[in-house]
Amino acid sequence: MTDHQQPPEPPLWEQWAAEGASADPEERSDGERLQKVLAQTGYGSRRVCEELIAAGRVRVNGEVAVLGSRIDAENDLVEVDGRPVPVRSGLVYYLLNKPAGVVSTAKDTHDRPTVVDLVPTEPRVYPVGRLDAETEGLIILTNDGELTNRLTHPKYGVEKEYLATVEPTPVYPRAMRTLRDGVELDDGVTSPAKVSQPEPGLLRITIHEGRNRQVRRMCETVGHPVQRLVRVRIGPISDRRLRPGEWRPLDPGEVRQLIDATPSEVISPDVPKRGNLTSRSSRPR
């Protein structure tokens, strides 16, 4: 190397990482460290989250994130393995065991009790999908619109499991086979379902569609009307300890499980990309 030659400049991501390691946290106040935000959402320790970033598995606003990145949690869209991660402040997730007679809407024109009446009033939340008034069981309420979209859109195929008490009993193999293969309803043939009969007249049915009163209509079509219907699982989430009318918050690990239940190769076009990635100590104003 001659006297006038300068050593090659290190890659930009290495410069950013060095800045992140050496800067005083008080001096870098424009955004939160990406690995800290990911750790708070249940992706593991900060070290584990740093490894996710280094492996190129994290994107912010569609761009691969780098070590040293800082984000605006209120405006930036963060994704891990193609799935959006809820990083905005104020997001809440409730798991409610809905009793019969309660409607799964935010407001009812007939003044019937709603699922929203059974959880805290602030912040305002909305049910993820619906259960008809007489159906009991688990329902999620949240103010996270992105996760709601992924859990309710049929293309993501999130499973919902029900226990259905039917009559007459038992349900014979031919009807069971029809339920599994697909039932002809007035709005089309249902997708294949998982169906078993733990005891005579009790069906365990798992579907991934969300048609109106679907399980009830399926059973009625094969000659076994439902007498009682309870949803016991949404994707990976279940809880036998919740009594009717009780609710609890989902922990960050459970929220991550719900995100992971949606396939990463299917990205909803309805999810907007928000803001710009802030990776340096000063953001253009």
Protein backbone atom coordinates (compact mmCIF):
# COMPACT_ATOMS: atom_id res chain seq x y z
CA MET A 1 0.00 0.00 0.00
CA THR A 2 1.46 3.41 -0.99
CA ASP A 3 1.56 6.38 1.37
CA HIS A 4 -1.36 8.14 -0.31
CA GLN A 5 -3.63 5.09 -0.39
CA GLN A 6 -6.27 4.76 2.29
CA PRO A 7 -7.36 1.44 3.78
CA PRO A 8 -10.65 0.20 2.34
CA GLU A 9 -13.73 1.46 4.13
CA PRO A 10 -15.51 -1.30 6.06
CA PRO A 11 -18.98 -2.31 4.89
CA LEU A 12 -21.75 0.04 5.98
CA TRP A 13 -23.44 -2.53 8.19
CA GLU A 14 -20.18 -2.97 10.14
CA GLN A 15 -19.98 0.79 10.63
CA TRP A 16 -23.55 0.83 11.96
CA ALA A 17 -22.83 -2.09 14.29
CA ALA A 18 -19.74 -0.28 15.60
CA GLU A 19 -21.78 2.85 16.19
CA GLY A 20 -24.37 0.85 18.09
CA ALA A 21 -21.71 -0.76 20.28
CA SER A 22 -19.89 2.49 21.12
CA ALA A 23 -22.62 5.11 21.26
CA ASP A 24 -23.98 6.36 24.53
CA PRO A 25 -27.65 5.28 24.84
CA GLU A 26 -28.56 8.81 25.90
CA GLU A 27 -27.05 10.17 22.69
CA ARG A 28 -28.94 7.69 20.51
CA SER A 29 -32.50 8.43 21.45
CA ASP A 30 -34.08 8.31 18.03
CA GLY A 31 -35.76 4.90 18.13
CA GLU A 32 -35.31 1.64 20.00
CA ARG A 33 -32.74 -1.04 19.36
CA LEU A 34 -34.26 -3.69 17.10
CA GLN A 35 -32.97 -6.63 19.16
CA LYS A 36 -34.51 -5.14 22.32
CA VAL A 37 -37.90 -4.74 20.65
CA LEU A 38 -37.81 -8.31 19.30
CA ALA A 39 -36.88 -9.68 22.71
CA GLN A 40 -39.88 -7.91 24.24
CA THR A 41 -42.20 -9.62 21.76
CA GLY A 42 -41.12 -13.12 22.78
CA TYR A 43 -38.41 -13.99 20.25
CA GLY A 44 -35.90 -14.89 22.94
CA SER A 45 -33.01 -13.10 24.59
CA ARG A 46 -31.36 -10.09 23.00
CA ARG A 47 -28.48 -12.34 22.01
CA VAL A 48 -30.86 -14.68 20.19
CA CYS A 49 -32.50 -11.69 18.48
CA GLU A 50 -29.09 -10.36 17.41
CA GLU A 51 -28.43 -13.74 15.79
CA LEU A 52 -31.78 -13.51 13.94
CA ILE A 53 -30.78 -10.11 12.62
CA ALA A 54 -27.27 -11.23 11.65
CA ALA A 55 -28.76 -14.19 9.78
CA GLY A 56 -30.83 -11.86 7.60
CA ARG A 57 -34.14 -13.20 8.91
CA VAL A 58 -35.45 -9.81 10.05
CA ARG A 59 -36.85 -7.12 7.74
CA VAL A 60 -37.93 -3.58 8.55
CA ASN A 61 -40.26 -1.94 6.04
CA GLY A 62 -39.32 -4.60 3.50
CA GLU A 63 -35.55 -4.16 3.85
CA VAL A 64 -33.21 -6.68 5.49
CA ALA A 65 -32.25 -5.32 8.90
CA VAL A 66 -28.64 -5.00 10.06
CA LEU A 67 -26.96 -5.13 13.44
CA GLY A 68 -27.17 -1.74 15.05
CA SER A 69 -30.58 -0.93 13.59
CA ARG A 70 -32.95 1.25 15.53
CA ILE A 71 -36.63 1.44 14.72
CA ASP A 72 -39.65 3.61 15.29
CA ALA A 73 -41.93 1.03 16.87
CA GLU A 74 -45.00 3.18 16.22
CA ASN A 75 -44.48 3.40 12.46
CA ASP A 76 -42.05 0.76 11.21
CA LEU A 77 -43.19 -2.66 10.01
CA VAL A 78 -40.98 -5.41 11.44
CA GLU A 79 -41.06 -8.95 10.03
CA VAL A 80 -39.28 -12.14 11.08
CA ASP A 81 -39.18 -14.89 8.47
CA GLY A 82 -41.80 -13.00 6.49
CA ARG A 83 -44.29 -12.67 9.35
CA PRO A 84 -45.17 -9.24 10.79
CA VAL A 85 -44.19 -8.81 14.44
CA PRO A 86 -46.40 -6.63 16.69
CA VAL A 87 -43.99 -4.00 18.01
CA ARG A 88 -46.22 -0.95 18.48
CA SER A 89 -46.88 0.16 22.04
CA GLY A 90 -50.36 -0.28 23.46
CA LEU A 91 -51.17 -3.53 21.66
CA VAL A 92 -53.16 -5.96 23.81
CA TYR A 93 -54.33 -9.53 23.27
CA TYR A 94 -57.08 -11.15 25.35
CA LEU A 95 -58.22 -14.77 25.35
CA LEU A 96 -61.88 -15.04 26.38
CA ASN A 97 -64.03 -18.08 27.05
CA LYS A 98 -67.30 -16.84 25.54
CA PRO A 99 -70.48 -18.04 27.25
CA ALA A 100 -73.63 -18.94 25.34
CA GLY A 101 -75.93 -15.99 24.74
CA VAL A 102 -73.11 -13.48 24.23
CA VAL A 103 -72.55 -12.11 20.73
CA SER A 104 -69.06 -11.73 19.29
CA THR A 105 -69.34 -8.16 18.01
CA ALA A 106 -68.20 -4.84 19.40
CA LYS A 107 -71.79 -3.55 19.58
CA ASP A 108 -75.18 -5.19 19.20
CA THR A 109 -78.25 -3.45 17.80
CA HIS A 110 -80.53 -5.56 20.03
CA ASP A 111 -78.66 -4.65 23.24
CA ARG A 112 -77.49 -8.21 23.83
CA PRO A 113 -74.29 -8.68 25.85
CA THR A 114 -71.15 -8.70 23.69
CA VAL A 115 -67.68 -10.16 24.10
CA VAL A 116 -66.30 -6.62 24.36
CA ASP A 117 -68.40 -6.12 27.50
CA LEU A 118 -66.47 -8.92 29.22
CA VAL A 119 -62.94 -7.48 28.83
CA PRO A 120 -61.35 -4.12 29.83
CA THR A 121 -62.83 -1.11 28.07
CA GLU A 122 -59.44 0.53 27.41
CA PRO A 123 -57.77 0.20 25.06
CA ARG A 124 -60.63 -0.60 22.73
CA VAL A 125 -60.40 -4.09 21.25
CA TYR A 126 -62.29 -6.11 18.65
CA PRO A 127 -63.03 -9.84 18.34
CA VAL A 128 -60.88 -11.87 15.98
CA GLY A 129 -63.51 -13.64 13.90
CA ARG A 130 -66.90 -14.59 15.26
CA LEU A 131 -68.76 -17.26 17.16
CA ASP A 132 -72.53 -17.32 16.83
CA ALA A 133 -74.47 -16.32 19.93
CA GLU A 134 -75.16 -19.87 21.15
CA THR A 135 -71.66 -21.21 20.49
CA GLU A 136 -69.32 -21.20 23.47
CA GLY A 137 -65.58 -21.21 23.80
CA LEU A 138 -62.38 -19.43 22.99
CA ILE A 139 -62.19 -16.14 21.12
CA ILE A 140 -59.33 -13.65 20.88
CA LEU A 141 -59.86 -9.90 21.21
CA THR A 142 -57.15 -7.43 20.22
CA ASN A 143 -56.39 -4.02 18.76
CA ASP A 144 -53.72 -5.51 16.47
CA GLY A 145 -55.21 -5.27 12.98
CA GLU A 146 -52.32 -7.01 11.23
CA LEU A 147 -52.54 -10.15 13.36
CA THR A 148 -56.34 -10.10 13.08
CA ASN A 149 -56.01 -10.15 9.30
CA ARG A 150 -53.69 -13.14 9.36
CA LEU A 151 -55.82 -15.12 11.80
CA THR A 152 -59.10 -14.56 9.95
CA HIS A 153 -58.12 -14.62 6.27
CA PRO A 154 -58.81 -18.12 4.89
CA LYS A 155 -55.61 -18.20 2.83
CA TYR A 156 -53.55 -18.48 6.02
CA GLY A 157 -55.41 -21.63 7.09
CA VAL A 158 -55.29 -21.16 10.86
CA GLU A 159 -57.04 -24.11 12.50
CA LYS A 160 -60.02 -23.83 14.86
CA GLU A 161 -61.03 -26.87 16.88
CA TYR A 162 -64.53 -27.52 18.21
CA LEU A 163 -66.33 -30.05 20.38
CA ALA A 164 -69.84 -30.65 19.08
CA THR A 165 -72.54 -32.57 20.91
CA VAL A 166 -74.91 -33.91 18.26
CA GLU A 167 -78.00 -36.07 17.88
CA PRO A 168 -78.91 -38.74 17.02
CA THR A 169 -76.06 -40.88 18.27
CA PRO A 170 -73.76 -42.44 17.38
CA VAL A 171 -72.45 -40.77 14.20
CA TYR A 172 -71.79 -43.57 11.72
CA PRO A 173 -68.70 -43.84 9.49
CA ARG A 174 -70.42 -42.62 6.32
CA ALA A 175 -71.38 -39.29 7.92
CA MET A 176 -67.92 -38.98 9.47
CA ARG A 177 -66.32 -39.52 6.07
CA THR A 178 -68.51 -36.82 4.51
CA LEU A 179 -67.54 -34.35 7.22
CA ARG A 180 -63.87 -35.12 6.61
CA ASP A 181 -64.00 -34.97 2.80
CA GLY A 182 -66.22 -31.90 2.42
CA VAL A 183 -69.90 -31.09 2.86
CA GLU A 184 -72.04 -29.49 0.15
CA LEU A 185 -73.49 -26.30 1.68
CA ASP A 186 -75.46 -23.53 0.01
CA ASP A 187 -72.26 -21.47 -0.27
CA GLY A 188 -70.13 -24.29 -1.67
CA VAL A 189 -68.34 -27.44 -0.59
CA THR A 190 -66.39 -27.15 2.66
CA SER A 191 -62.67 -27.83 2.74
CA PRO A 192 -61.50 -31.15 4.22
CA ALA A 193 -61.79 -31.22 8.00
CA LYS A 194 -60.31 -33.29 10.79
CA VAL A 195 -63.10 -35.22 12.51
CA SER A 196 -63.12 -37.81 15.27
CA GLN A 197 -65.73 -39.18 17.70
CA PRO A 198 -64.21 -39.50 21.20
CA GLU A 199 -67.52 -40.88 22.47
CA PRO A 200 -70.90 -41.52 20.86
CA GLY A 201 -72.51 -38.23 19.90
CA LEU A 202 -69.46 -36.09 20.68
CA LEU A 203 -67.49 -34.90 17.65
CA ARG A 204 -64.11 -33.23 17.66
CA ILE A 205 -63.99 -31.11 14.49
CA THR A 206 -61.07 -29.03 13.25
CA ILE A 207 -61.55 -26.62 10.35
CA HIS A 208 -59.54 -23.75 8.88
CA GLU A 209 -62.35 -21.87 7.18
CA GLY A 210 -64.54 -19.24 8.82
CA ARG A 211 -67.94 -19.47 7.19
CA ASN A 212 -71.03 -18.39 9.08
CA ARG A 213 -72.22 -21.16 11.45
CA GLN A 214 -70.10 -23.58 9.46
CA VAL A 215 -69.77 -26.45 11.94
CA ARG A 216 -73.49 -26.36 12.76
CA ARG A 217 -74.43 -26.41 9.07
CA MET A 218 -71.97 -29.24 8.32
CA CYS A 219 -73.40 -31.45 11.04
CA GLU A 220 -77.00 -30.68 10.16
CA THR A 221 -76.36 -31.52 6.51
CA VAL A 222 -75.15 -35.02 7.41
CA GLY A 223 -78.19 -35.60 9.63
CA HIS A 224 -76.73 -34.82 13.07
CA PRO A 225 -77.86 -31.37 14.30
CA VAL A 226 -75.65 -29.76 16.96
CA GLN A 227 -77.04 -29.53 20.48
CA ARG A 228 -74.00 -27.80 21.97
CA LEU A 229 -70.89 -26.36 20.33
CA VAL A 230 -67.69 -25.24 22.07
CA ARG A 231 -64.51 -23.92 20.43
CA VAL A 232 -61.54 -25.31 22.36
CA ARG A 233 -58.55 -24.21 20.28
CA ILE A 234 -57.47 -21.36 17.99
CA GLY A 235 -54.29 -22.29 16.13
CA PRO A 236 -51.86 -23.31 18.90
CA ILE A 237 -53.82 -21.59 21.69
CA SER A 238 -56.06 -23.46 24.12
CA ASP A 239 -56.85 -23.13 27.82
CA ARG A 240 -59.00 -25.58 29.76
CA ARG A 241 -58.72 -23.51 32.95
CA LEU A 242 -60.74 -20.54 31.69
CA ARG A 243 -64.34 -20.76 32.84
CA PRO A 244 -67.18 -19.28 30.79
CA GLY A 245 -67.02 -15.50 30.97
CA GLU A 246 -63.40 -15.43 32.12
CA TRP A 247 -60.54 -13.89 30.15
CA ARG A 248 -56.79 -13.50 30.45
CA PRO A 249 -54.08 -11.68 28.49
CA LEU A 250 -51.98 -13.69 26.09
CA ASP A 251 -48.29 -13.62 26.96
CA PRO A 252 -45.67 -12.61 24.33
CA GLY A 253 -44.80 -16.24 23.68
CA GLU A 254 -48.41 -17.08 22.85
CA VAL A 255 -48.68 -14.09 20.53
CA ARG A 256 -45.56 -15.30 18.75
CA GLN A 257 -47.11 -18.78 18.44
CA LEU A 258 -50.14 -17.23 16.74
CA ILE A 259 -47.88 -15.35 14.32
CA ASP A 260 -45.93 -18.52 13.60
CA ALA A 261 -49.19 -20.37 12.90
CA THR A 262 -49.55 -18.38 9.67
CA PRO A 263 -47.30 -19.52 6.80
CA SER A 264 -44.48 -17.13 5.97
CA GLU A 265 -44.69 -17.73 2.22
CA VAL A 266 -48.17 -16.19 2.16
CA ILE A 267 -47.91 -12.46 2.75
CA SER A 268 -51.13 -10.48 2.83
CA PRO A 269 -51.26 -7.64 0.31
CA ASP A 270 -53.51 -5.81 2.78
CA VAL A 271 -50.66 -5.29 5.26
CA PRO A 272 -49.13 -1.89 4.48
CA LYS A 273 -45.49 -1.07 4.84
CA ARG A 274 -45.13 1.82 7.23
CA GLY A 275 -42.39 4.39 7.60
CA ASN A 276 -38.70 4.06 6.87
CA LEU A 277 -36.00 2.10 8.62
CA THR A 278 -33.88 4.21 10.94
CA SER A 279 -30.51 2.52 11.30
CA ARG A 280 -28.28 5.41 12.24
CA SER A 281 -28.05 7.78 15.15
CA SER A 282 -29.62 10.69 13.29
CA ARG A 283 -32.81 10.56 11.25
CA PRO A 284 -33.50 13.06 8.48
CA ARG A 285 -36.28 15.43 9.52
